[in-house]
Amino acid sequence: MSKNKTKKTQTPITSLVPVKYTFTDAELADIARKAEQERSQIRQFEEQFDSIKSDYKAKIEGAEMRLNLYLDKAGDGFEMRPTEVVIVFNEPKRGRKTIYIVDRKQPDWRGEKASEEDMTVADFQVEMRFEQTIKTSGEPQKTDDDFVENENDNETE
């Protein structure tokens, strides 16, 4: 008996599997160039990020300051504002001064009473200068320190 042996041949299959590959010098140089470009890009992003963070930090701090001002105003119920006033020395008595908000409709410009305070050393000096002017000329002379010039004075006459 003769045995006929037939060999079965297997069909090869293909697949992708990781296998070590050694880069050429040109490929290594290209990879190093790309890596440096990425490092540079990262530094730029970090600088932009720091700048943006700084900008927003300043915006937040500004908003917090404004918020605190609003909260203070709301809590106090008032704020101090520069306001044109008339100061009357020795009223209601010697050594005191009364401060009125200017009301140009009143002949003496005295509007609402803002405060009453003790006179300061500077106040006494202003008063003495004013009194000396009256004694020498017979009538008070306005000075820049004593009164604010009113542009509308002549319009009411």
C-alpha atoms as a PDB file:
ATOM      1  CA  MET A   1       0.000   0.000   0.000  1.00  0.00           C
ATOM      2  CA  SER A   2       1.348   3.087  -0.903  1.00  0.00           C
ATOM      3  CA  LYS A   3       0.460   5.883   1.118  1.00  0.00           C
ATOM      4  CA  ASN A   4       0.154   9.088  -0.621  1.00  0.00           C
ATOM      5  CA  LYS A   5       0.821  11.822   1.746  1.00  0.00           C
ATOM      6  CA  THR A   6      -0.515  15.157   0.733  1.00  0.00           C
ATOM      7  CA  LYS A   7       0.828  18.124   2.451  1.00  0.00           C
ATOM      8  CA  LYS A   8      -1.625  20.772   3.427  1.00  0.00           C
ATOM      9  CA  THR A   9      -0.326  24.241   2.844  1.00  0.00           C
ATOM     10  CA  GLN A  10      -1.386  26.974   5.139  1.00  0.00           C
ATOM     11  CA  THR A  11      -2.403  30.342   3.783  1.00  0.00           C
ATOM     12  CA  PRO A  12      -0.436  33.101   5.467  1.00  0.00           C
ATOM     13  CA  ILE A  13      -2.352  35.958   7.084  1.00  0.00           C
ATOM     14  CA  THR A  14      -1.169  39.498   7.558  1.00  0.00           C
ATOM     15  CA  SER A  15      -1.487  41.654  10.631  1.00  0.00           C
ATOM     16  CA  LEU A  16      -0.035  44.777  12.148  1.00  0.00           C
ATOM     17  CA  VAL A  17       1.913  44.255  15.338  1.00  0.00           C
ATOM     18  CA  PRO A  18       4.438  46.537  17.066  1.00  0.00           C
ATOM     19  CA  VAL A  19       7.944  45.684  16.023  1.00  0.00           C
ATOM     20  CA  LYS A  20      11.062  47.623  16.933  1.00  0.00           C
ATOM     21  CA  TYR A  21      12.040  50.142  14.257  1.00  0.00           C
ATOM     22  CA  THR A  22      15.265  52.110  14.431  1.00  0.00           C
ATOM     23  CA  PHE A  23      15.006  55.655  13.074  1.00  0.00           C
ATOM     24  CA  THR A  24      17.428  56.931  10.523  1.00  0.00           C
ATOM     25  CA  ASP A  25      19.530  60.001  11.317  1.00  0.00           C
ATOM     26  CA  ALA A  26      17.328  62.116   9.045  1.00  0.00           C
ATOM     27  CA  GLU A  27      14.169  60.904  10.818  1.00  0.00           C
ATOM     28  CA  LEU A  28      15.722  61.611  14.243  1.00  0.00           C
ATOM     29  CA  ALA A  29      16.639  65.140  13.136  1.00  0.00           C
ATOM     30  CA  ASP A  30      13.078  65.729  11.903  1.00  0.00           C
ATOM     31  CA  ILE A  31      11.602  64.392  15.154  1.00  0.00           C
ATOM     32  CA  ALA A  32      13.920  66.640  17.213  1.00  0.00           C
ATOM     33  CA  ARG A  33      12.894  69.679  15.112  1.00  0.00           C
ATOM     34  CA  LYS A  34       9.202  68.900  15.635  1.00  0.00           C
ATOM     35  CA  ALA A  35       9.739  68.403  19.390  1.00  0.00           C
ATOM     36  CA  GLU A  36      11.413  71.834  19.652  1.00  0.00           C
ATOM     37  CA  GLN A  37       8.518  73.414  17.731  1.00  0.00           C
ATOM     38  CA  GLU A  38       6.084  71.894  20.218  1.00  0.00           C
ATOM     39  CA  ARG A  39       8.163  73.136  23.187  1.00  0.00           C
ATOM     40  CA  SER A  40       8.123  76.618  21.697  1.00  0.00           C
ATOM     41  CA  GLN A  41       4.367  76.390  21.124  1.00  0.00           C
ATOM     42  CA  ILE A  42       3.839  75.288  24.743  1.00  0.00           C
ATOM     43  CA  ARG A  43       5.902  78.258  26.040  1.00  0.00           C
ATOM     44  CA  GLN A  44       3.812  80.633  23.910  1.00  0.00           C
ATOM     45  CA  PHE A  45       0.585  79.106  25.210  1.00  0.00           C
ATOM     46  CA  GLU A  46       1.831  79.385  28.799  1.00  0.00           C
ATOM     47  CA  GLU A  47       2.802  83.046  28.298  1.00  0.00           C
ATOM     48  CA  GLN A  48      -0.591  83.800  26.742  1.00  0.00           C
ATOM     49  CA  PHE A  49      -2.298  81.920  29.545  1.00  0.00           C
ATOM     50  CA  ASP A  50      -0.361  83.874  32.195  1.00  0.00           C
ATOM     51  CA  SER A  51      -1.229  87.138  30.449  1.00  0.00           C
ATOM     52  CA  ILE A  52      -4.900  86.224  30.252  1.00  0.00           C
ATOM     53  CA  LYS A  53      -4.882  85.106  33.890  1.00  0.00           C
ATOM     54  CA  SER A  54      -3.270  88.409  34.863  1.00  0.00           C
ATOM     55  CA  ASP A  55      -5.847  90.390  32.851  1.00  0.00           C
ATOM     56  CA  TYR A  56      -8.742  88.522  34.407  1.00  0.00           C
ATOM     57  CA  LYS A  57      -7.225  88.759  37.868  1.00  0.00           C
ATOM     58  CA  ALA A  58      -7.085  92.547  37.455  1.00  0.00           C
ATOM     59  CA  LYS A  59     -10.691  92.565  36.191  1.00  0.00           C
ATOM     60  CA  ILE A  60     -11.817  90.486  39.152  1.00  0.00           C
ATOM     61  CA  GLU A  61      -9.969  92.729  41.620  1.00  0.00           C
ATOM     62  CA  GLY A  62     -11.549  95.820  40.037  1.00  0.00           C
ATOM     63  CA  ALA A  63     -14.999  94.268  40.237  1.00  0.00           C
ATOM     64  CA  GLU A  64     -14.409  93.300  43.868  1.00  0.00           C
ATOM     65  CA  MET A  65     -13.383  96.884  44.707  1.00  0.00           C
ATOM     66  CA  ARG A  66     -16.509  98.287  43.032  1.00  0.00           C
ATOM     67  CA  LEU A  67     -18.648  95.688  44.818  1.00  0.00           C
ATOM     68  CA  ASN A  68     -17.171  96.684  48.185  1.00  0.00           C
ATOM     69  CA  LEU A  69     -17.840 100.362  47.444  1.00  0.00           C
ATOM     70  CA  TYR A  70     -21.475  99.586  46.595  1.00  0.00           C
ATOM     71  CA  LEU A  71     -21.846  97.445  49.702  1.00  0.00           C
ATOM     72  CA  ASP A  72     -20.341 100.213  51.863  1.00  0.00           C
ATOM     73  CA  LYS A  73     -22.689 102.804  50.330  1.00  0.00           C
ATOM     74  CA  ALA A  74     -25.694 100.537  50.787  1.00  0.00           C
ATOM     75  CA  GLY A  75     -24.709  99.752  54.385  1.00  0.00           C
ATOM     76  CA  ASP A  76     -24.000 103.381  55.312  1.00  0.00           C
ATOM     77  CA  GLY A  77     -26.970 104.790  53.425  1.00  0.00           C
ATOM     78  CA  PHE A  78     -24.954 107.862  52.356  1.00  0.00           C
ATOM     79  CA  GLU A  79     -21.669 109.036  50.831  1.00  0.00           C
ATOM     80  CA  MET A  80     -19.620 112.195  51.123  1.00  0.00           C
ATOM     81  CA  ARG A  81     -19.641 114.312  47.945  1.00  0.00           C
ATOM     82  CA  PRO A  82     -17.863 117.565  47.145  1.00  0.00           C
ATOM     83  CA  THR A  83     -20.583 120.182  47.499  1.00  0.00           C
ATOM     84  CA  GLU A  84     -20.502 123.959  47.211  1.00  0.00           C
ATOM     85  CA  VAL A  85     -21.234 125.430  50.628  1.00  0.00           C
ATOM     86  CA  VAL A  86     -21.544 128.742  52.476  1.00  0.00           C
ATOM     87  CA  ILE A  87     -19.559 128.883  55.725  1.00  0.00           C
ATOM     88  CA  VAL A  88     -20.791 131.327  58.360  1.00  0.00           C
ATOM     89  CA  PHE A  89     -18.275 131.992  61.148  1.00  0.00           C
ATOM     90  CA  ASN A  90     -19.321 132.538  64.765  1.00  0.00           C
ATOM     91  CA  GLU A  91     -22.747 131.083  64.185  1.00  0.00           C
ATOM     92  CA  PRO A  92     -24.610 130.030  66.284  1.00  0.00           C
ATOM     93  CA  LYS A  93     -22.028 131.418  68.750  1.00  0.00           C
ATOM     94  CA  ARG A  94     -18.431 132.676  68.857  1.00  0.00           C
ATOM     95  CA  GLY A  95     -15.927 129.929  68.014  1.00  0.00           C
ATOM     96  CA  ARG A  96     -18.411 127.840  66.030  1.00  0.00           C
ATOM     97  CA  LYS A  97     -19.194 127.803  62.326  1.00  0.00           C
ATOM     98  CA  THR A  98     -22.278 126.711  60.464  1.00  0.00           C
ATOM     99  CA  ILE A  99     -22.011 125.191  57.003  1.00  0.00           C
ATOM    100  CA  TYR A 100     -24.935 125.499  54.586  1.00  0.00           C
ATOM    101  CA  ILE A 101     -25.367 123.927  51.161  1.00  0.00           C
ATOM    102  CA  VAL A 102     -25.442 126.716  48.586  1.00  0.00           C
ATOM    103  CA  ASP A 103     -28.921 127.676  47.422  1.00  0.00           C
ATOM    104  CA  ARG A 104     -28.532 130.463  44.859  1.00  0.00           C
ATOM    105  CA  LYS A 105     -32.268 131.218  45.109  1.00  0.00           C
ATOM    106  CA  GLN A 106     -31.741 132.545  48.636  1.00  0.00           C
ATOM    107  CA  PRO A 107     -30.323 136.090  49.038  1.00  0.00           C
ATOM    108  CA  ASP A 108     -27.593 134.879  51.384  1.00  0.00           C
ATOM    109  CA  TRP A 109     -27.183 131.585  49.439  1.00  0.00           C
ATOM    110  CA  ARG A 110     -27.919 129.653  52.629  1.00  0.00           C
ATOM    111  CA  GLY A 111     -29.726 126.463  51.773  1.00  0.00           C
ATOM    112  CA  GLU A 112     -29.991 123.322  53.850  1.00  0.00           C
ATOM    113  CA  LYS A 113     -27.772 123.221  56.936  1.00  0.00           C
ATOM    114  CA  ALA A 114     -25.015 120.661  56.316  1.00  0.00           C
ATOM    115  CA  SER A 115     -23.207 120.822  59.658  1.00  0.00           C
ATOM    116  CA  GLU A 116     -22.132 122.880  62.623  1.00  0.00           C
ATOM    117  CA  GLU A 117     -18.534 122.628  63.794  1.00  0.00           C
ATOM    118  CA  ASP A 118     -15.903 124.231  66.003  1.00  0.00           C
ATOM    119  CA  MET A 119     -13.840 126.823  64.150  1.00  0.00           C
ATOM    120  CA  THR A 120     -10.254 125.844  63.343  1.00  0.00           C
ATOM    121  CA  VAL A 121      -7.166 128.037  63.664  1.00  0.00           C
ATOM    122  CA  ALA A 122      -7.326 128.603  59.904  1.00  0.00           C
ATOM    123  CA  ASP A 123     -10.966 129.706  60.239  1.00  0.00           C
ATOM    124  CA  PHE A 124     -10.006 132.377  62.793  1.00  0.00           C
ATOM    125  CA  GLN A 125      -7.293 133.636  60.421  1.00  0.00           C
ATOM    126  CA  VAL A 126      -9.771 133.931  57.544  1.00  0.00           C
ATOM    127  CA  GLU A 127     -12.162 135.800  59.844  1.00  0.00           C
ATOM    128  CA  MET A 128      -9.413 138.199  60.992  1.00  0.00           C
ATOM    129  CA  ARG A 129      -8.342 138.914  57.399  1.00  0.00           C
ATOM    130  CA  PHE A 130     -11.962 139.631  56.480  1.00  0.00           C
ATOM    131  CA  GLU A 131     -12.408 141.999  59.467  1.00  0.00           C
ATOM    132  CA  GLN A 132      -9.186 143.876  58.619  1.00  0.00           C
ATOM    133  CA  THR A 133     -10.413 144.389  55.062  1.00  0.00           C
ATOM    134  CA  ILE A 134     -13.662 145.911  56.369  1.00  0.00           C
ATOM    135  CA  LYS A 135     -11.814 148.306  58.736  1.00  0.00           C
ATOM    136  CA  THR A 136      -9.436 149.626  56.041  1.00  0.00           C
ATOM    137  CA  SER A 137     -11.904 150.034  53.193  1.00  0.00           C
ATOM    138  CA  GLY A 138     -15.205 150.351  54.966  1.00  0.00           C
ATOM    139  CA  GLU A 139     -16.675 147.408  53.095  1.00  0.00           C
ATOM    140  CA  PRO A 140     -15.786 143.743  52.771  1.00  0.00           C
ATOM    141  CA  GLN A 141     -13.579 142.748  49.844  1.00  0.00           C
ATOM    142  CA  LYS A 142     -13.994 139.342  48.296  1.00  0.00           C
ATOM    143  CA  THR A 143     -10.857 137.227  47.974  1.00  0.00           C
ATOM    144  CA  ASP A 144     -10.366 133.869  46.316  1.00  0.00           C
ATOM    145  CA  ASP A 145     -10.070 132.227  49.727  1.00  0.00           C
ATOM    146  CA  ASP A 146     -13.279 133.728  51.083  1.00  0.00           C
ATOM    147  CA  PHE A 147     -15.870 133.204  48.346  1.00  0.00           C
ATOM    148  CA  VAL A 148     -16.429 131.240  45.175  1.00  0.00           C
ATOM    149  CA  GLU A 149     -17.062 133.563  42.228  1.00  0.00           C
ATOM    150  CA  ASN A 150     -20.580 133.181  40.869  1.00  0.00           C
ATOM    151  CA  GLU A 151     -20.987 133.660  37.130  1.00  0.00           C
ATOM    152  CA  ASN A 152     -24.754 134.040  37.485  1.00  0.00           C
ATOM    153  CA  ASP A 153     -24.681 136.988  39.956  1.00  0.00           C
ATOM    154  CA  ASN A 154     -25.371 139.594  37.285  1.00  0.00           C
ATOM    155  CA  GLU A 155     -28.142 137.622  35.597  1.00  0.00           C
ATOM    156  CA  THR A 156     -30.553 138.028  38.541  1.00  0.00           C
ATOM    157  CA  GLU A 157     -30.391 141.840  38.495  1.00  0.00           C
END
